[in-house]
Amino acid sequence: MLLEITKLNIKNEGFKRDISLVEMYVNTRSIVSVSDYAGAQPFLEEEGSSLSAEPFCLLRVNNGSHYEDIIVKGTAAMISDRIASNTKKGLING
């Protein structure tokens, strides 16, 4: 089952960083963990972004040979609830 998420996209362009939100889909079977991520707010405040008031969480995804951490808009509880509502068994497939 695919889950739509809003990813915090940071593109480093040398002297300037381009920060944006990007919609993407993640296979719920490849999600390993979800945890709140407080490190996004200080970074976004330093960059002067209007997104600094938004909550973000860290979504760890298994890509076969390695894990990828994705910074996602929303709290861990919000994402976990969306995963549970999209799948019959929730985050733990057993």
PDB file of N, CA and C in Angstrom:
ATOM      1  N   MET A   1       0.847  -1.165   0.000  1.00  0.00           N
ATOM      2  CA  MET A   1       0.000   0.000   0.000  1.00  0.00           C
ATOM      3  C   MET A   1       0.901   1.240   0.000  1.00  0.00           C
ATOM      4  N   LEU A   2       0.556   2.228  -0.779  1.00  0.00           N
ATOM      5  CA  LEU A   2       1.331   3.464  -0.841  1.00  0.00           C
ATOM      6  C   LEU A   2       0.743   4.515   0.095  1.00  0.00           C
ATOM      7  N   LEU A   3       1.646   5.261   0.718  1.00  0.00           N
ATOM      8  CA  LEU A   3       1.276   6.325   1.637  1.00  0.00           C
ATOM      9  C   LEU A   3       1.788   7.645   1.067  1.00  0.00           C
ATOM     10  N   GLU A   4       0.909   8.631   0.928  1.00  0.00           N
ATOM     11  CA  GLU A   4       1.332   9.947   0.456  1.00  0.00           C
ATOM     12  C   GLU A   4       1.912  10.729   1.631  1.00  0.00           C
ATOM     13  N   ILE A   5       3.116  11.267   1.432  1.00  0.00           N
ATOM     14  CA  ILE A   5       3.774  12.069   2.459  1.00  0.00           C
ATOM     15  C   ILE A   5       4.236  13.389   1.847  1.00  0.00           C
ATOM     16  N   THR A   6       4.525  14.341   2.706  1.00  0.00           N
ATOM     17  CA  THR A   6       5.075  15.627   2.276  1.00  0.00           C
ATOM     18  C   THR A   6       6.505  15.708   2.789  1.00  0.00           C
ATOM     19  N   LYS A   7       7.454  15.594   1.876  1.00  0.00           N
ATOM     20  CA  LYS A   7       8.876  15.543   2.203  1.00  0.00           C
ATOM     21  C   LYS A   7       9.460  16.951   2.244  1.00  0.00           C
ATOM     22  N   LEU A   8      10.322  17.195   3.228  1.00  0.00           N
ATOM     23  CA  LEU A   8      11.082  18.442   3.286  1.00  0.00           C
ATOM     24  C   LEU A   8      12.279  18.261   2.370  1.00  0.00           C
ATOM     25  N   ASN A   9      12.316  19.008   1.287  1.00  0.00           N
ATOM     26  CA  ASN A   9      13.361  18.896   0.281  1.00  0.00           C
ATOM     27  C   ASN A   9      14.338  20.058   0.442  1.00  0.00           C
ATOM     28  N   ILE A  10      15.615  19.741   0.637  1.00  0.00           N
ATOM     29  CA  ILE A  10      16.644  20.766   0.815  1.00  0.00           C
ATOM     30  C   ILE A  10      17.670  20.590  -0.291  1.00  0.00           C
ATOM     31  N   LYS A  11      17.792  21.611  -1.131  1.00  0.00           N
ATOM     32  CA  LYS A  11      18.749  21.582  -2.234  1.00  0.00           C
ATOM     33  C   LYS A  11      19.824  22.615  -1.946  1.00  0.00           C
ATOM     34  N   ASN A  12      21.066  22.162  -1.812  1.00  0.00           N
ATOM     35  CA  ASN A  12      22.182  23.045  -1.507  1.00  0.00           C
ATOM     36  C   ASN A  12      22.753  23.600  -2.812  1.00  0.00           C
ATOM     37  N   GLU A  13      22.692  24.914  -2.959  1.00  0.00           N
ATOM     38  CA  GLU A  13      23.184  25.566  -4.164  1.00  0.00           C
ATOM     39  C   GLU A  13      24.394  26.446  -3.847  1.00  0.00           C
ATOM     40  N   GLY A  14      25.310  25.946  -3.049  1.00  0.00           N
ATOM     41  CA  GLY A  14      26.501  26.710  -2.693  1.00  0.00           C
ATOM     42  C   GLY A  14      26.227  27.696  -1.583  1.00  0.00           C
ATOM     43  N   PHE A  15      26.042  28.967  -1.944  1.00  0.00           N
ATOM     44  CA  PHE A  15      25.800  30.003  -0.945  1.00  0.00           C
ATOM     45  C   PHE A  15      24.358  30.025  -0.465  1.00  0.00           C
ATOM     46  N   LYS A  16      23.472  29.399  -1.199  1.00  0.00           N
ATOM     47  CA  LYS A  16      22.047  29.438  -0.877  1.00  0.00           C
ATOM     48  C   LYS A  16      21.478  28.022  -0.844  1.00  0.00           C
ATOM     49  N   ARG A  17      20.535  27.796   0.060  1.00  0.00           N
ATOM     50  CA  ARG A  17      19.816  26.526   0.108  1.00  0.00           C
ATOM     51  C   ARG A  17      18.381  26.763  -0.308  1.00  0.00           C
ATOM     52  N   ASP A  18      17.905  25.935  -1.193  1.00  0.00           N
ATOM     53  CA  ASP A  18      16.516  26.016  -1.639  1.00  0.00           C
ATOM     54  C   ASP A  18      15.714  24.994  -0.844  1.00  0.00           C
ATOM     55  N   ILE A  19      14.762  25.476  -0.048  1.00  0.00           N
ATOM     56  CA  ILE A  19      13.951  24.617   0.807  1.00  0.00           C
ATOM     57  C   ILE A  19      12.526  24.598   0.269  1.00  0.00           C
ATOM     58  N   SER A  20      11.998  23.388   0.075  1.00  0.00           N
ATOM     59  CA  SER A  20      10.638  23.267  -0.437  1.00  0.00           C
ATOM     60  C   SER A  20       9.995  21.999   0.123  1.00  0.00           C
ATOM     61  N   LEU A  21       8.697  21.912  -0.052  1.00  0.00           N
ATOM     62  CA  LEU A  21       7.946  20.710   0.317  1.00  0.00           C
ATOM     63  C   LEU A  21       7.555  19.985  -0.961  1.00  0.00           C
ATOM     64  N   VAL A  22       7.745  18.671  -0.969  1.00  0.00           N
ATOM     65  CA  VAL A  22       7.479  17.865  -2.153  1.00  0.00           C
ATOM     66  C   VAL A  22       6.566  16.708  -1.759  1.00  0.00           C
ATOM     67  N   GLU A  23       5.523  16.493  -2.532  1.00  0.00           N
ATOM     68  CA  GLU A  23       4.629  15.358  -2.303  1.00  0.00           C
ATOM     69  C   GLU A  23       5.264  14.116  -2.920  1.00  0.00           C
ATOM     70  N   MET A  24       5.239  13.016  -2.175  1.00  0.00           N
ATOM     71  CA  MET A  24       5.749  11.758  -2.708  1.00  0.00           C
ATOM     72  C   MET A  24       4.993  10.598  -2.064  1.00  0.00           C
ATOM     73  N   TYR A  25       5.174   9.413  -2.608  1.00  0.00           N
ATOM     74  CA  TYR A  25       4.512   8.217  -2.104  1.00  0.00           C
ATOM     75  C   TYR A  25       5.560   7.219  -1.635  1.00  0.00           C
ATOM     76  N   VAL A  26       5.271   6.565  -0.504  1.00  0.00           N
ATOM     77  CA  VAL A  26       6.169   5.577   0.074  1.00  0.00           C
ATOM     78  C   VAL A  26       5.386   4.284   0.278  1.00  0.00           C
ATOM     79  N   ASN A  27       6.019   3.168  -0.040  1.00  0.00           N
ATOM     80  CA  ASN A  27       5.406   1.868   0.205  1.00  0.00           C
ATOM     81  C   ASN A  27       5.425   1.610   1.706  1.00  0.00           C
ATOM     82  N   THR A  28       4.275   1.385   2.309  1.00  0.00           N
ATOM     83  CA  THR A  28       4.193   1.196   3.753  1.00  0.00           C
ATOM     84  C   THR A  28       4.959  -0.043   4.223  1.00  0.00           C
ATOM     85  N   ARG A  29       5.151  -1.021   3.366  1.00  0.00           N
ATOM     86  CA  ARG A  29       5.899  -2.227   3.744  1.00  0.00           C
ATOM     87  C   ARG A  29       7.390  -1.945   3.919  1.00  0.00           C
ATOM     88  N   SER A  30       7.891  -0.863   3.334  1.00  0.00           N
ATOM     89  CA  SER A  30       9.322  -0.554   3.445  1.00  0.00           C
ATOM     90  C   SER A  30       9.629   0.405   4.588  1.00  0.00           C
ATOM     91  N   ILE A  31       8.606   0.887   5.310  1.00  0.00           N
ATOM     92  CA  ILE A  31       8.826   1.800   6.432  1.00  0.00           C
ATOM     93  C   ILE A  31       9.322   1.004   7.640  1.00  0.00           C
ATOM     94  N   VAL A  32      10.473   1.425   8.173  1.00  0.00           N
ATOM     95  CA  VAL A  32      11.076   0.749   9.311  1.00  0.00           C
ATOM     96  C   VAL A  32      10.683   1.442  10.612  1.00  0.00           C
ATOM     97  N   SER A  33      10.747   2.780  10.636  1.00  0.00           N
ATOM     98  CA  SER A  33      10.411   3.509  11.860  1.00  0.00           C
ATOM     99  C   SER A  33       9.981   4.931  11.543  1.00  0.00           C
ATOM    100  N   VAL A  34       9.282   5.525  12.512  1.00  0.00           N
ATOM    101  CA  VAL A  34       8.863   6.928  12.443  1.00  0.00           C
ATOM    102  C   VAL A  34       9.150   7.539  13.811  1.00  0.00           C
ATOM    103  N   SER A  35       9.844   8.679  13.818  1.00  0.00           N
ATOM    104  CA  SER A  35      10.125   9.351  15.095  1.00  0.00           C
ATOM    105  C   SER A  35      10.069  10.858  14.905  1.00  0.00           C
ATOM    106  N   ASP A  36       9.641  11.559  15.952  1.00  0.00           N
ATOM    107  CA  ASP A  36       9.605  13.019  15.887  1.00  0.00           C
ATOM    108  C   ASP A  36      11.022  13.550  15.690  1.00  0.00           C
ATOM    109  N   TYR A  37      11.151  14.643  14.940  1.00  0.00           N
ATOM    110  CA  TYR A  37      12.460  15.205  14.614  1.00  0.00           C
ATOM    111  C   TYR A  37      12.471  16.692  14.929  1.00  0.00           C
ATOM    112  N   ALA A  38      13.042  17.046  16.078  1.00  0.00           N
ATOM    113  CA  ALA A  38      13.086  18.446  16.509  1.00  0.00           C
ATOM    114  C   ALA A  38      14.208  19.221  15.827  1.00  0.00           C
ATOM    115  N   GLY A  39      15.125  18.553  15.152  1.00  0.00           N
ATOM    116  CA  GLY A  39      16.253  19.215  14.506  1.00  0.00           C
ATOM    117  C   GLY A  39      15.875  20.056  13.302  1.00  0.00           C
ATOM    118  N   ALA A  40      14.688  19.856  12.760  1.00  0.00           N
ATOM    119  CA  ALA A  40      14.279  20.614  11.581  1.00  0.00           C
ATOM    120  C   ALA A  40      13.977  22.073  11.924  1.00  0.00           C
ATOM    121  N   GLN A  41      13.353  22.323  13.063  1.00  0.00           N
ATOM    122  CA  GLN A  41      12.953  23.687  13.424  1.00  0.00           C
ATOM    123  C   GLN A  41      14.141  24.635  13.545  1.00  0.00           C
ATOM    124  N   PRO A  42      15.205  24.308  14.290  1.00  0.00           N
ATOM    125  CA  PRO A  42      16.340  25.241  14.369  1.00  0.00           C
ATOM    126  C   PRO A  42      16.981  25.505  13.008  1.00  0.00           C
ATOM    127  N   PHE A  43      17.075  24.465  12.180  1.00  0.00           N
ATOM    128  CA  PHE A  43      17.642  24.636  10.836  1.00  0.00           C
ATOM    129  C   PHE A  43      16.786  25.581   9.999  1.00  0.00           C
ATOM    130  N   LEU A  44      15.468  25.375  10.022  1.00  0.00           N
ATOM    131  CA  LEU A  44      14.569  26.204   9.223  1.00  0.00           C
ATOM    132  C   LEU A  44      14.534  27.645   9.728  1.00  0.00           C
ATOM    133  N   GLU A  45      14.631  27.840  11.053  1.00  0.00           N
ATOM    134  CA  GLU A  45      14.700  29.193  11.604  1.00  0.00           C
ATOM    135  C   GLU A  45      15.971  29.901  11.146  1.00  0.00           C
ATOM    136  N   GLU A  46      17.087  29.172  11.158  1.00  0.00           N
ATOM    137  CA  GLU A  46      18.361  29.731  10.720  1.00  0.00           C
ATOM    138  C   GLU A  46      18.317  30.133   9.246  1.00  0.00           C
ATOM    139  N   GLU A  47      17.594  29.374   8.458  1.00  0.00           N
ATOM    140  CA  GLU A  47      17.467  29.662   7.027  1.00  0.00           C
ATOM    141  C   GLU A  47      16.402  30.719   6.744  1.00  0.00           C
ATOM    142  N   GLY A  48      15.658  31.117   7.774  1.00  0.00           N
ATOM    143  CA  GLY A  48      14.617  32.130   7.588  1.00  0.00           C
ATOM    144  C   GLY A  48      13.390  31.610   6.872  1.00  0.00           C
ATOM    145  N   SER A  49      13.129  30.322   6.992  1.00  0.00           N
ATOM    146  CA  SER A  49      11.998  29.713   6.307  1.00  0.00           C
ATOM    147  C   SER A  49      10.719  29.871   7.119  1.00  0.00           C
ATOM    148  N   SER A  50       9.617  30.052   6.432  1.00  0.00           N
ATOM    149  CA  SER A  50       8.314  30.152   7.099  1.00  0.00           C
ATOM    150  C   SER A  50       7.834  28.789   7.600  1.00  0.00           C
ATOM    151  N   LEU A  51       8.529  27.726   7.238  1.00  0.00           N
ATOM    152  CA  LEU A  51       8.145  26.374   7.655  1.00  0.00           C
ATOM    153  C   LEU A  51       8.630  26.031   9.061  1.00  0.00           C
ATOM    154  N   SER A  52       9.341  26.942   9.716  1.00  0.00           N
ATOM    155  CA  SER A  52       9.937  26.642  11.024  1.00  0.00           C
ATOM    156  C   SER A  52       8.909  26.351  12.109  1.00  0.00           C
ATOM    157  N   ALA A  53       7.667  26.775  11.925  1.00  0.00           N
ATOM    158  CA  ALA A  53       6.624  26.521  12.926  1.00  0.00           C
ATOM    159  C   ALA A  53       5.966  25.154  12.736  1.00  0.00           C
ATOM    160  N   GLU A  54       6.252  24.493  11.620  1.00  0.00           N
ATOM    161  CA  GLU A  54       5.632  23.202  11.324  1.00  0.00           C
ATOM    162  C   GLU A  54       6.344  22.069  12.066  1.00  0.00           C
ATOM    163  N   PRO A  55       5.600  21.036  12.500  1.00  0.00           N
ATOM    164  CA  PRO A  55       6.257  19.861  13.093  1.00  0.00           C
ATOM    165  C   PRO A  55       6.765  18.939  11.979  1.00  0.00           C
ATOM    166  N   PHE A  56       7.889  18.291  12.243  1.00  0.00           N
ATOM    167  CA  PHE A  56       8.453  17.342  11.285  1.00  0.00           C
ATOM    168  C   PHE A  56       8.847  16.069  12.006  1.00  0.00           C
ATOM    169  N   CYS A  57       8.872  14.966  11.262  1.00  0.00           N
ATOM    170  CA  CYS A  57       9.324  13.701  11.815  1.00  0.00           C
ATOM    171  C   CYS A  57      10.288  13.045  10.835  1.00  0.00           C
ATOM    172  N   LEU A  58      10.970  12.024  11.315  1.00  0.00           N
ATOM    173  CA  LEU A  58      11.951  11.305  10.517  1.00  0.00           C
ATOM    174  C   LEU A  58      11.381   9.933  10.172  1.00  0.00           C
ATOM    175  N   LEU A  59      11.282   9.665   8.892  1.00  0.00           N
ATOM    176  CA  LEU A  59      10.747   8.401   8.400  1.00  0.00           C
ATOM    177  C   LEU A  59      11.919   7.587   7.874  1.00  0.00           C
ATOM    178  N   ARG A  60      12.160   6.420   8.459  1.00  0.00           N
ATOM    179  CA  ARG A  60      13.256   5.554   8.001  1.00  0.00           C
ATOM    180  C   ARG A  60      12.665   4.492   7.087  1.00  0.00           C
ATOM    181  N   VAL A  61      13.219   4.414   5.865  1.00  0.00           N
ATOM    182  CA  VAL A  61      12.701   3.522   4.839  1.00  0.00           C
ATOM    183  C   VAL A  61      13.801   2.550   4.405  1.00  0.00           C
ATOM    184  N   ASN A  62      13.455   1.287   4.246  1.00  0.00           N
ATOM    185  CA  ASN A  62      14.390   0.274   3.776  1.00  0.00           C
ATOM    186  C   ASN A  62      14.375   0.268   2.253  1.00  0.00           C
ATOM    187  N   ASN A  63      15.530   0.554   1.653  1.00  0.00           N
ATOM    188  CA  ASN A  63      15.648   0.559   0.192  1.00  0.00           C
ATOM    189  C   ASN A  63      16.363  -0.676  -0.327  1.00  0.00           C
ATOM    190  N   GLY A  64      16.260  -1.766   0.371  1.00  0.00           N
ATOM    191  CA  GLY A  64      16.898  -3.004  -0.063  1.00  0.00           C
ATOM    192  C   GLY A  64      18.304  -3.146   0.483  1.00  0.00           C
ATOM    193  N   SER A  65      19.243  -2.390  -0.061  1.00  0.00           N
ATOM    194  CA  SER A  65      20.636  -2.514   0.371  1.00  0.00           C
ATOM    195  C   SER A  65      21.019  -1.496   1.446  1.00  0.00           C
ATOM    196  N   HIS A  66      20.172  -0.507   1.678  1.00  0.00           N
ATOM    197  CA  HIS A  66      20.470   0.520   2.686  1.00  0.00           C
ATOM    198  C   HIS A  66      19.176   1.156   3.195  1.00  0.00           C
ATOM    199  N   TYR A  67      19.325   1.958   4.239  1.00  0.00           N
ATOM    200  CA  TYR A  67      18.188   2.689   4.794  1.00  0.00           C
ATOM    201  C   TYR A  67      18.289   4.148   4.388  1.00  0.00           C
ATOM    202  N   GLU A  68      17.141   4.772   4.151  1.00  0.00           N
ATOM    203  CA  GLU A  68      17.087   6.197   3.824  1.00  0.00           C
ATOM    204  C   GLU A  68      16.215   6.903   4.850  1.00  0.00           C
ATOM    205  N   ASP A  69      16.719   8.006   5.389  1.00  0.00           N
ATOM    206  CA  ASP A  69      15.943   8.826   6.314  1.00  0.00           C
ATOM    207  C   ASP A  69      15.323   9.973   5.536  1.00  0.00           C
ATOM    208  N   ILE A  70      14.016  10.141   5.690  1.00  0.00           N
ATOM    209  CA  ILE A  70      13.282  11.194   4.991  1.00  0.00           C
ATOM    210  C   ILE A  70      12.650  12.093   6.041  1.00  0.00           C
ATOM    211  N   ILE A  71      12.874  13.400   5.918  1.00  0.00           N
ATOM    212  CA  ILE A  71      12.235  14.357   6.819  1.00  0.00           C
ATOM    213  C   ILE A  71      10.846  14.643   6.255  1.00  0.00           C
ATOM    214  N   VAL A  72       9.828  14.379   7.076  1.00  0.00           N
ATOM    215  CA  VAL A  72       8.440  14.434   6.623  1.00  0.00           C
ATOM    216  C   VAL A  72       7.658  15.441   7.459  1.00  0.00           C
ATOM    217  N   LYS A  73       6.788  16.197   6.804  1.00  0.00           N
ATOM    218  CA  LYS A  73       5.929  17.157   7.497  1.00  0.00           C
ATOM    219  C   LYS A  73       4.894  16.401   8.316  1.00  0.00           C
ATOM    220  N   GLY A  74       4.778  16.769   9.607  1.00  0.00           N
ATOM    221  CA  GLY A  74       3.821  16.139  10.510  1.00  0.00           C
ATOM    222  C   GLY A  74       4.542  15.480  11.669  1.00  0.00           C
ATOM    223  N   THR A  75       3.794  15.130  12.684  1.00  0.00           N
ATOM    224  CA  THR A  75       4.375  14.443  13.841  1.00  0.00           C
ATOM    225  C   THR A  75       4.418  12.939  13.571  1.00  0.00           C
ATOM    226  N   ALA A  76       5.203  12.236  14.372  1.00  0.00           N
ATOM    227  CA  ALA A  76       5.285  10.780  14.237  1.00  0.00           C
ATOM    228  C   ALA A  76       3.919  10.141  14.480  1.00  0.00           C
ATOM    229  N   ALA A  77       3.168  10.668  15.437  1.00  0.00           N
ATOM    230  CA  ALA A  77       1.837  10.129  15.729  1.00  0.00           C
ATOM    231  C   ALA A  77       0.898  10.304  14.538  1.00  0.00           C
ATOM    232  N   MET A  78       0.972  11.466  13.877  1.00  0.00           N
ATOM    233  CA  MET A  78       0.117  11.713  12.716  1.00  0.00           C
ATOM    234  C   MET A  78       0.438  10.731  11.581  1.00  0.00           C
ATOM    235  N   ILE A  79       1.719  10.530  11.313  1.00  0.00           N
ATOM    236  CA  ILE A  79       2.126   9.623  10.236  1.00  0.00           C
ATOM    237  C   ILE A  79       1.775   8.182  10.600  1.00  0.00           C
ATOM    238  N   SER A  80       2.008   7.803  11.840  1.00  0.00           N
ATOM    239  CA  SER A  80       1.683   6.452  12.294  1.00  0.00           C
ATOM    240  C   SER A  80       0.189   6.171  12.152  1.00  0.00           C
ATOM    241  N   ASP A  81      -0.639   7.139  12.506  1.00  0.00           N
ATOM    242  CA  ASP A  81      -2.091   6.984  12.355  1.00  0.00           C
ATOM    243  C   ASP A  81      -2.479   6.816  10.891  1.00  0.00           C
ATOM    244  N   ARG A  82      -1.824   7.564  10.008  1.00  0.00           N
ATOM    245  CA  ARG A  82      -2.120   7.446   8.571  1.00  0.00           C
ATOM    246  C   ARG A  82      -1.683   6.097   8.032  1.00  0.00           C
ATOM    247  N   ILE A  83      -0.561   5.586   8.535  1.00  0.00           N
ATOM    248  CA  ILE A  83      -0.100   4.252   8.117  1.00  0.00           C
ATOM    249  C   ILE A  83      -1.102   3.201   8.573  1.00  0.00           C
ATOM    250  N   ALA A  84      -1.532   3.307   9.822  1.00  0.00           N
ATOM    251  CA  ALA A  84      -2.490   2.339  10.367  1.00  0.00           C
ATOM    252  C   ALA A  84      -3.819   2.372   9.626  1.00  0.00           C
ATOM    253  N   SER A  85      -4.251   3.562   9.212  1.00  0.00           N
ATOM    254  CA  SER A  85      -5.534   3.653   8.505  1.00  0.00           C
ATOM    255  C   SER A  85      -5.418   3.161   7.065  1.00  0.00           C
ATOM    256  N   ASN A  86      -4.201   3.157   6.499  1.00  0.00           N
ATOM    257  CA  ASN A  86      -4.006   2.687   5.124  1.00  0.00           C
ATOM    258  C   ASN A  86      -3.743   1.196   5.034  1.00  0.00           C
ATOM    259  N   THR A  87      -3.337   0.575   6.142  1.00  0.00           N
ATOM    260  CA  THR A  87      -3.057  -0.850   6.135  1.00  0.00           C
ATOM    261  C   THR A  87      -3.887  -1.534   7.209  1.00  0.00           C
ATOM    262  N   LYS A  88      -4.177  -2.792   7.004  1.00  0.00           N
ATOM    263  CA  LYS A  88      -4.986  -3.530   7.977  1.00  0.00           C
ATOM    264  C   LYS A  88      -4.205  -3.831   9.244  1.00  0.00           C
ATOM    265  N   LYS A  89      -2.901  -4.072   9.112  1.00  0.00           N
ATOM    266  CA  LYS A  89      -2.111  -4.490  10.261  1.00  0.00           C
ATOM    267  C   LYS A  89      -1.296  -3.335  10.863  1.00  0.00           C
ATOM    268  N   GLY A  90      -1.321  -2.145  10.296  1.00  0.00           N
ATOM    269  CA  GLY A  90      -0.559  -1.032  10.837  1.00  0.00           C
ATOM    270  C   GLY A  90       0.885  -1.074  10.420  1.00  0.00           C
ATOM    271  N   LEU A  91       1.740  -0.485  11.232  1.00  0.00           N
ATOM    272  CA  LEU A  91       3.148  -0.374  10.873  1.00  0.00           C
ATOM    273  C   LEU A  91       3.867  -1.715  10.948  1.00  0.00           C
ATOM    274  N   ILE A  92       3.512  -2.554  11.909  1.00  0.00           N
ATOM    275  CA  ILE A  92       4.169  -3.846  12.053  1.00  0.00           C
ATOM    276  C   ILE A  92       3.379  -4.879  11.258  1.00  0.00           C
ATOM    277  N   ASN A  93       3.974  -5.376  10.196  1.00  0.00           N
ATOM    278  CA  ASN A  93       3.321  -6.394   9.353  1.00  0.00           C
ATOM    279  C   ASN A  93       3.723  -7.761   9.856  1.00  0.00           C
ATOM    280  N   GLY A  94       2.796  -8.466  10.487  1.00  0.00           N
ATOM    281  CA  GLY A  94       3.153  -9.759  11.056  1.00  0.00           C
ATOM    282  C   GLY A  94       2.178 -10.827  10.767  1.00  0.00           C
TER     283      GLY A  94
END
